Amino acid sequence: MNTSISAKAVHFDEQYLHVELADRRILSTPMEWYPELQQATLAQLKHYTFICRNTGIEWPDIDYHLSVEAMFAGREQLQAA
C-alpha cells in the first residue's frame, strides 16, 4: 500500500464522493460506485472516521469501509474487494 495516500477530509454531493488527501489533491469518484453509501442518510454519511493511518474510511453506522487506494484503482478494484 502506498502510505503517502492519506485522507484528510470527506465531502459528498449528489453525484460524487470527494476525498481530500493530505497532499491537497482531491479524489472524486461517482457515488453510483457505492450503493451502500447511496442508500445511507446524510447523517450516516457525515459520520465517518479514518482508519488504517488515514488510508481508509469507515462509516460505522452502516458498517462500510473504503480504501482510498481502491478509489484510485477504479470501479473494478472496488468490486473485487
PDB file of N, CA and C in Angstrom:
ATOM      1  N   MET A   1       0.832  -1.177   0.000  1.00  0.00           N
ATOM      2  CA  MET A   1       0.000   0.000   0.000  1.00  0.00           C
ATOM      3  C   MET A   1       0.878   1.241   0.000  1.00  0.00           C
ATOM      4  N   ASN A   2       0.469   2.221  -0.742  1.00  0.00           N
ATOM      5  CA  ASN A   2       1.190   3.479  -0.817  1.00  0.00           C
ATOM      6  C   ASN A   2       0.802   4.336   0.386  1.00  0.00           C
ATOM      7  N   THR A   3       1.671   4.421   1.371  1.00  0.00           N
ATOM      8  CA  THR A   3       1.331   5.140   2.596  1.00  0.00           C
ATOM      9  C   THR A   3       1.285   6.643   2.406  1.00  0.00           C
ATOM     10  N   SER A   4       1.716   7.155   1.249  1.00  0.00           N
ATOM     11  CA  SER A   4       1.613   8.591   1.008  1.00  0.00           C
ATOM     12  C   SER A   4       0.191   8.995   0.638  1.00  0.00           C
ATOM     13  N   ILE A   5      -0.688   8.022   0.370  1.00  0.00           N
ATOM     14  CA  ILE A   5      -2.090   8.310   0.086  1.00  0.00           C
ATOM     15  C   ILE A   5      -2.820   8.351   1.414  1.00  0.00           C
ATOM     16  N   SER A   6      -2.937   9.531   1.964  1.00  0.00           N
ATOM     17  CA  SER A   6      -3.524   9.712   3.276  1.00  0.00           C
ATOM     18  C   SER A   6      -4.692  10.685   3.172  1.00  0.00           C
ATOM     19  N   ALA A   7      -5.865  10.259   3.630  1.00  0.00           N
ATOM     20  CA  ALA A   7      -7.066  11.082   3.544  1.00  0.00           C
ATOM     21  C   ALA A   7      -7.098  12.134   4.653  1.00  0.00           C
ATOM     22  N   LYS A   8      -7.675  13.263   4.312  1.00  0.00           N
ATOM     23  CA  LYS A   8      -7.768  14.380   5.255  1.00  0.00           C
ATOM     24  C   LYS A   8      -9.221  14.777   5.519  1.00  0.00           C
ATOM     25  N   ALA A   9     -10.085  14.674   4.500  1.00  0.00           N
ATOM     26  CA  ALA A   9     -11.486  15.062   4.644  1.00  0.00           C
ATOM     27  C   ALA A   9     -12.330  14.351   3.605  1.00  0.00           C
ATOM     28  N   VAL A  10     -13.612  14.202   3.912  1.00  0.00           N
ATOM     29  CA  VAL A  10     -14.564  13.564   3.011  1.00  0.00           C
ATOM     30  C   VAL A  10     -15.719  14.522   2.789  1.00  0.00           C
ATOM     31  N   HIS A  11     -16.131  14.650   1.523  1.00  0.00           N
ATOM     32  CA  HIS A  11     -17.267  15.500   1.164  1.00  0.00           C
ATOM     33  C   HIS A  11     -18.128  14.741   0.159  1.00  0.00           C
ATOM     34  N   PHE A  12     -19.401  15.104   0.084  1.00  0.00           N
ATOM     35  CA  PHE A  12     -20.331  14.461  -0.829  1.00  0.00           C
ATOM     36  C   PHE A  12     -21.129  15.511  -1.572  1.00  0.00           C
ATOM     37  N   ASP A  13     -21.571  15.152  -2.753  1.00  0.00           N
ATOM     38  CA  ASP A  13     -22.650  15.867  -3.405  1.00  0.00           C
ATOM     39  C   ASP A  13     -23.547  14.802  -4.015  1.00  0.00           C
ATOM     40  N   GLU A  14     -24.514  15.176  -4.797  1.00  0.00           N
ATOM     41  CA  GLU A  14     -25.455  14.190  -5.322  1.00  0.00           C
ATOM     42  C   GLU A  14     -24.793  13.189  -6.268  1.00  0.00           C
ATOM     43  N   GLN A  15     -23.691  13.559  -6.900  1.00  0.00           N
ATOM     44  CA  GLN A  15     -23.080  12.688  -7.897  1.00  0.00           C
ATOM     45  C   GLN A  15     -21.760  12.062  -7.467  1.00  0.00           C
ATOM     46  N   TYR A  16     -21.024  12.711  -6.574  1.00  0.00           N
ATOM     47  CA  TYR A  16     -19.654  12.271  -6.301  1.00  0.00           C
ATOM     48  C   TYR A  16     -19.321  12.169  -4.816  1.00  0.00           C
ATOM     49  N   LEU A  17     -18.417  11.239  -4.543  1.00  0.00           N
ATOM     50  CA  LEU A  17     -17.737  11.155  -3.256  1.00  0.00           C
ATOM     51  C   LEU A  17     -16.385  11.825  -3.464  1.00  0.00           C
ATOM     52  N   HIS A  18     -16.087  12.846  -2.680  1.00  0.00           N
ATOM     53  CA  HIS A  18     -14.834  13.586  -2.794  1.00  0.00           C
ATOM     54  C   HIS A  18     -13.999  13.312  -1.549  1.00  0.00           C
ATOM     55  N   VAL A  19     -12.767  12.894  -1.750  1.00  0.00           N
ATOM     56  CA  VAL A  19     -11.848  12.676  -0.635  1.00  0.00           C
ATOM     57  C   VAL A  19     -10.655  13.598  -0.825  1.00  0.00           C
ATOM     58  N   GLU A  20     -10.471  14.503   0.130  1.00  0.00           N
ATOM     59  CA  GLU A  20      -9.307  15.388   0.105  1.00  0.00           C
ATOM     60  C   GLU A  20      -8.145  14.655   0.753  1.00  0.00           C
ATOM     61  N   LEU A  21      -7.028  14.622   0.049  1.00  0.00           N
ATOM     62  CA  LEU A  21      -5.845  13.932   0.547  1.00  0.00           C
ATOM     63  C   LEU A  21      -4.949  14.897   1.311  1.00  0.00           C
ATOM     64  N   ALA A  22      -4.064  14.350   2.113  1.00  0.00           N
ATOM     65  CA  ALA A  22      -3.164  15.175   2.926  1.00  0.00           C
ATOM     66  C   ALA A  22      -2.287  16.080   2.068  1.00  0.00           C
ATOM     67  N   ASP A  23      -1.994  15.639   0.831  1.00  0.00           N
ATOM     68  CA  ASP A  23      -1.161  16.466  -0.049  1.00  0.00           C
ATOM     69  C   ASP A  23      -1.984  17.490  -0.846  1.00  0.00           C
ATOM     70  N   ARG A  24      -3.247  17.668  -0.480  1.00  0.00           N
ATOM     71  CA  ARG A  24      -4.180  18.660  -1.026  1.00  0.00           C
ATOM     72  C   ARG A  24      -4.842  18.248  -2.336  1.00  0.00           C
ATOM     73  N   ARG A  25      -4.517  17.076  -2.884  1.00  0.00           N
ATOM     74  CA  ARG A  25      -5.266  16.591  -4.041  1.00  0.00           C
ATOM     75  C   ARG A  25      -6.666  16.211  -3.590  1.00  0.00           C
ATOM     76  N   ILE A  26      -7.601  16.240  -4.530  1.00  0.00           N
ATOM     77  CA  ILE A  26      -8.965  15.799  -4.254  1.00  0.00           C
ATOM     78  C   ILE A  26      -9.299  14.681  -5.229  1.00  0.00           C
ATOM     79  N   LEU A  27      -9.694  13.554  -4.682  1.00  0.00           N
ATOM     80  CA  LEU A  27     -10.071  12.389  -5.459  1.00  0.00           C
ATOM     81  C   LEU A  27     -11.596  12.317  -5.461  1.00  0.00           C
ATOM     82  N   SER A  28     -12.194  12.332  -6.645  1.00  0.00           N
ATOM     83  CA  SER A  28     -13.651  12.265  -6.773  1.00  0.00           C
ATOM     84  C   SER A  28     -14.030  11.032  -7.564  1.00  0.00           C
ATOM     85  N   THR A  29     -14.967  10.267  -7.030  1.00  0.00           N
ATOM     86  CA  THR A  29     -15.469   9.083  -7.710  1.00  0.00           C
ATOM     87  C   THR A  29     -16.992   9.110  -7.669  1.00  0.00           C
ATOM     88  N   PRO A  30     -17.642   8.496  -8.656  1.00  0.00           N
ATOM     89  CA  PRO A  30     -19.113   8.528  -8.711  1.00  0.00           C
ATOM     90  C   PRO A  30     -19.754   7.819  -7.519  1.00  0.00           C
ATOM     91  N   MET A  31     -20.763   8.431  -6.953  1.00  0.00           N
ATOM     92  CA  MET A  31     -21.495   7.816  -5.840  1.00  0.00           C
ATOM     93  C   MET A  31     -22.131   6.499  -6.262  1.00  0.00           C
ATOM     94  N   GLU A  32     -22.449   6.344  -7.546  1.00  0.00           N
ATOM     95  CA  GLU A  32     -23.072   5.108  -8.005  1.00  0.00           C
ATOM     96  C   GLU A  32     -22.157   3.894  -7.821  1.00  0.00           C
ATOM     97  N   TRP A  33     -20.881   4.118  -7.601  1.00  0.00           N
ATOM     98  CA  TRP A  33     -19.956   3.021  -7.320  1.00  0.00           C
ATOM     99  C   TRP A  33     -20.186   2.439  -5.925  1.00  0.00           C
ATOM    100  N   TYR A  34     -20.884   3.181  -5.074  1.00  0.00           N
ATOM    101  CA  TYR A  34     -21.036   2.799  -3.669  1.00  0.00           C
ATOM    102  C   TYR A  34     -22.521   2.714  -3.304  1.00  0.00           C
ATOM    103  N   PRO A  35     -23.209   1.647  -3.669  1.00  0.00           N
ATOM    104  CA  PRO A  35     -24.645   1.539  -3.369  1.00  0.00           C
ATOM    105  C   PRO A  35     -24.959   1.700  -1.882  1.00  0.00           C
ATOM    106  N   GLU A  36     -24.077   1.190  -1.020  1.00  0.00           N
ATOM    107  CA  GLU A  36     -24.312   1.318   0.428  1.00  0.00           C
ATOM    108  C   GLU A  36     -24.310   2.778   0.858  1.00  0.00           C
ATOM    109  N   LEU A  37     -23.436   3.570   0.268  1.00  0.00           N
ATOM    110  CA  LEU A  37     -23.395   4.991   0.610  1.00  0.00           C
ATOM    111  C   LEU A  37     -24.574   5.732   0.001  1.00  0.00           C
ATOM    112  N   GLN A  38     -24.998   5.348  -1.180  1.00  0.00           N
ATOM    113  CA  GLN A  38     -26.157   5.991  -1.809  1.00  0.00           C
ATOM    114  C   GLN A  38     -27.422   5.772  -0.996  1.00  0.00           C
ATOM    115  N   GLN A  39     -27.525   4.635  -0.331  1.00  0.00           N
ATOM    116  CA  GLN A  39     -28.718   4.323   0.454  1.00  0.00           C
ATOM    117  C   GLN A  39     -28.674   4.920   1.859  1.00  0.00           C
ATOM    118  N   ALA A  40     -27.532   5.421   2.270  1.00  0.00           N
ATOM    119  CA  ALA A  40     -27.370   5.967   3.626  1.00  0.00           C
ATOM    120  C   ALA A  40     -28.006   7.348   3.737  1.00  0.00           C
ATOM    121  N   THR A  41     -28.365   7.699   4.949  1.00  0.00           N
ATOM    122  CA  THR A  41     -28.875   9.043   5.206  1.00  0.00           C
ATOM    123  C   THR A  41     -27.708  10.032   5.239  1.00  0.00           C
ATOM    124  N   LEU A  42     -28.024  11.298   5.136  1.00  0.00           N
ATOM    125  CA  LEU A  42     -26.989  12.321   5.208  1.00  0.00           C
ATOM    126  C   LEU A  42     -26.270  12.269   6.555  1.00  0.00           C
ATOM    127  N   ALA A  43     -27.003  12.035   7.623  1.00  0.00           N
ATOM    128  CA  ALA A  43     -26.378  11.929   8.950  1.00  0.00           C
ATOM    129  C   ALA A  43     -25.406  10.750   8.995  1.00  0.00           C
ATOM    130  N   GLN A  44     -25.778   9.627   8.387  1.00  0.00           N
ATOM    131  CA  GLN A  44     -24.881   8.464   8.359  1.00  0.00           C
ATOM    132  C   GLN A  44     -23.636   8.749   7.516  1.00  0.00           C
ATOM    133  N   LEU A  45     -23.806   9.446   6.401  1.00  0.00           N
ATOM    134  CA  LEU A  45     -22.667   9.786   5.550  1.00  0.00           C
ATOM    135  C   LEU A  45     -21.691  10.721   6.250  1.00  0.00           C
ATOM    136  N   LYS A  46     -22.212  11.637   7.025  1.00  0.00           N
ATOM    137  CA  LYS A  46     -21.351  12.600   7.723  1.00  0.00           C
ATOM    138  C   LYS A  46     -20.617  11.969   8.900  1.00  0.00           C
ATOM    139  N   HIS A  47     -21.105  10.812   9.355  1.00  0.00           N
ATOM    140  CA  HIS A  47     -20.469  10.140  10.495  1.00  0.00           C
ATOM    141  C   HIS A  47     -19.473   9.116   9.976  1.00  0.00           C
ATOM    142  N   TYR A  48     -18.278   9.582   9.661  1.00  0.00           N
ATOM    143  CA  TYR A  48     -17.211   8.713   9.165  1.00  0.00           C
ATOM    144  C   TYR A  48     -15.981   8.910  10.026  1.00  0.00           C
ATOM    145  N   THR A  49     -15.093   7.942   9.982  1.00  0.00           N
ATOM    146  CA  THR A  49     -13.806   8.055  10.656  1.00  0.00           C
ATOM    147  C   THR A  49     -12.737   7.518   9.715  1.00  0.00           C
ATOM    148  N   PHE A  50     -11.533   8.004   9.895  1.00  0.00           N
ATOM    149  CA  PHE A  50     -10.413   7.483   9.125  1.00  0.00           C
ATOM    150  C   PHE A  50      -9.826   6.297   9.867  1.00  0.00           C
ATOM    151  N   ILE A  51      -9.446   5.286   9.117  1.00  0.00           N
ATOM    152  CA  ILE A  51      -8.864   4.077   9.686  1.00  0.00           C
ATOM    153  C   ILE A  51      -7.553   3.768   8.977  1.00  0.00           C
ATOM    154  N   CYS A  52      -6.799   2.872   9.536  1.00  0.00           N
ATOM    155  CA  CYS A  52      -5.542   2.394   8.916  1.00  0.00           C
ATOM    156  C   CYS A  52      -4.620   3.558   8.543  1.00  0.00           C
ATOM    157  N   ARG A  53      -4.327   4.378   9.532  1.00  0.00           N
ATOM    158  CA  ARG A  53      -3.433   5.533   9.325  1.00  0.00           C
ATOM    159  C   ARG A  53      -3.908   6.453   8.210  1.00  0.00           C
ATOM    160  N   ASN A  54      -5.209   6.687   8.187  1.00  0.00           N
ATOM    161  CA  ASN A  54      -5.860   7.597   7.228  1.00  0.00           C
ATOM    162  C   ASN A  54      -5.810   7.103   5.793  1.00  0.00           C
ATOM    163  N   THR A  55      -5.602   5.802   5.585  1.00  0.00           N
ATOM    164  CA  THR A  55      -5.630   5.249   4.235  1.00  0.00           C
ATOM    165  C   THR A  55      -6.977   4.606   3.920  1.00  0.00           C
ATOM    166  N   GLY A  56      -7.872   4.612   4.896  1.00  0.00           N
ATOM    167  CA  GLY A  56      -9.209   4.058   4.706  1.00  0.00           C
ATOM    168  C   GLY A  56     -10.234   4.906   5.422  1.00  0.00           C
ATOM    169  N   ILE A  57     -11.487   4.704   5.027  1.00  0.00           N
ATOM    170  CA  ILE A  57     -12.602   5.448   5.619  1.00  0.00           C
ATOM    171  C   ILE A  57     -13.621   4.426   6.095  1.00  0.00           C
ATOM    172  N   GLU A  58     -14.158   4.669   7.280  1.00  0.00           N
ATOM    173  CA  GLU A  58     -15.188   3.790   7.834  1.00  0.00           C
ATOM    174  C   GLU A  58     -16.432   4.598   8.142  1.00  0.00           C
ATOM    175  N   TRP A  59     -17.576   4.062   7.768  1.00  0.00           N
ATOM    176  CA  TRP A  59     -18.865   4.608   8.150  1.00  0.00           C
ATOM    177  C   TRP A  59     -19.473   3.603   9.118  1.00  0.00           C
ATOM    178  N   PRO A  60     -19.275   3.791  10.424  1.00  0.00           N
ATOM    179  CA  PRO A  60     -19.683   2.773  11.401  1.00  0.00           C
ATOM    180  C   PRO A  60     -21.189   2.543  11.459  1.00  0.00           C
ATOM    181  N   ASP A  61     -21.988   3.551  11.172  1.00  0.00           N
ATOM    182  CA  ASP A  61     -23.443   3.394  11.261  1.00  0.00           C
ATOM    183  C   ASP A  61     -23.988   2.429  10.212  1.00  0.00           C
ATOM    184  N   ILE A  62     -23.259   2.281   9.103  1.00  0.00           N
ATOM    185  CA  ILE A  62     -23.714   1.360   8.053  1.00  0.00           C
ATOM    186  C   ILE A  62     -22.719   0.213   7.841  1.00  0.00           C
ATOM    187  N   ASP A  63     -21.713   0.144   8.708  1.00  0.00           N
ATOM    188  CA  ASP A  63     -20.692  -0.909   8.649  1.00  0.00           C
ATOM    189  C   ASP A  63     -20.075  -1.000   7.255  1.00  0.00           C
ATOM    190  N   TYR A  64     -19.576   0.140   6.774  1.00  0.00           N
ATOM    191  CA  TYR A  64     -18.979   0.201   5.436  1.00  0.00           C
ATOM    192  C   TYR A  64     -17.565   0.756   5.541  1.00  0.00           C
ATOM    193  N   HIS A  65     -16.644   0.122   4.809  1.00  0.00           N
ATOM    194  CA  HIS A  65     -15.236   0.520   4.815  1.00  0.00           C
ATOM    195  C   HIS A  65     -14.786   0.732   3.382  1.00  0.00           C
ATOM    196  N   LEU A  66     -13.941   1.725   3.177  1.00  0.00           N
ATOM    197  CA  LEU A  66     -13.462   2.040   1.838  1.00  0.00           C
ATOM    198  C   LEU A  66     -11.986   2.391   1.886  1.00  0.00           C
ATOM    199  N   SER A  67     -11.220   1.771   1.041  1.00  0.00           N
ATOM    200  CA  SER A  67      -9.796   2.056   0.913  1.00  0.00           C
ATOM    201  C   SER A  67      -9.595   3.191  -0.088  1.00  0.00           C
ATOM    202  N   VAL A  68      -8.829   4.191   0.290  1.00  0.00           N
ATOM    203  CA  VAL A  68      -8.532   5.290  -0.630  1.00  0.00           C
ATOM    204  C   VAL A  68      -7.750   4.753  -1.825  1.00  0.00           C
ATOM    205  N   GLU A  69      -6.868   3.819  -1.592  1.00  0.00           N
ATOM    206  CA  GLU A  69      -6.102   3.218  -2.687  1.00  0.00           C
ATOM    207  C   GLU A  69      -7.030   2.540  -3.701  1.00  0.00           C
ATOM    208  N   ALA A  70      -8.077   1.886  -3.233  1.00  0.00           N
ATOM    209  CA  ALA A  70      -9.037   1.243  -4.132  1.00  0.00           C
ATOM    210  C   ALA A  70      -9.787   2.281  -4.962  1.00  0.00           C
ATOM    211  N   MET A  71     -10.030   3.454  -4.390  1.00  0.00           N
ATOM    212  CA  MET A  71     -10.677   4.518  -5.153  1.00  0.00           C
ATOM    213  C   MET A  71      -9.804   4.923  -6.341  1.00  0.00           C
ATOM    214  N   PHE A  72      -8.498   5.000  -6.121  1.00  0.00           N
ATOM    215  CA  PHE A  72      -7.575   5.322  -7.208  1.00  0.00           C
ATOM    216  C   PHE A  72      -7.587   4.235  -8.277  1.00  0.00           C
ATOM    217  N   ALA A  73      -7.697   2.979  -7.856  1.00  0.00           N
ATOM    218  CA  ALA A  73      -7.636   1.854  -8.787  1.00  0.00           C
ATOM    219  C   ALA A  73      -8.863   1.788  -9.688  1.00  0.00           C
ATOM    220  N   GLY A  74      -9.992   2.302  -9.224  1.00  0.00           N
ATOM    221  CA  GLY A  74     -11.185   2.321 -10.052  1.00  0.00           C
ATOM    222  C   GLY A  74     -12.245   1.334  -9.643  1.00  0.00           C
ATOM    223  N   ARG A  75     -13.319   1.347 -10.375  1.00  0.00           N
ATOM    224  CA  ARG A  75     -14.503   0.561 -10.052  1.00  0.00           C
ATOM    225  C   ARG A  75     -14.220  -0.935 -10.003  1.00  0.00           C
ATOM    226  N   GLU A  76     -13.398  -1.443 -10.921  1.00  0.00           N
ATOM    227  CA  GLU A  76     -13.127  -2.870 -10.943  1.00  0.00           C
ATOM    228  C   GLU A  76     -12.480  -3.327  -9.635  1.00  0.00           C
ATOM    229  N   GLN A  77     -11.573  -2.528  -9.094  1.00  0.00           N
ATOM    230  CA  GLN A  77     -10.900  -2.863  -7.840  1.00  0.00           C
ATOM    231  C   GLN A  77     -11.891  -2.840  -6.680  1.00  0.00           C
ATOM    232  N   LEU A  78     -12.817  -1.895  -6.685  1.00  0.00           N
ATOM    233  CA  LEU A  78     -13.798  -1.816  -5.621  1.00  0.00           C
ATOM    234  C   LEU A  78     -14.713  -3.035  -5.640  1.00  0.00           C
ATOM    235  N   GLN A  79     -15.093  -3.487  -6.825  1.00  0.00           N
ATOM    236  CA  GLN A  79     -15.979  -4.647  -6.930  1.00  0.00           C
ATOM    237  C   GLN A  79     -15.273  -5.923  -6.524  1.00  0.00           C
ATOM    238  N   ALA A  80     -13.960  -5.988  -6.710  1.00  0.00           N
ATOM    239  CA  ALA A  80     -13.202  -7.181  -6.361  1.00  0.00           C
ATOM    240  C   ALA A  80     -12.977  -7.299  -4.860  1.00  0.00           C
ATOM    241  N   ALA A  81     -13.067  -6.190  -4.151  1.00  0.00           N
ATOM    242  CA  ALA A  81     -12.772  -6.177  -2.709  1.00  0.00           C
ATOM    243  C   ALA A  81     -13.885  -6.812  -1.894  1.00  0.00           C
TER     244      ALA A  81
END
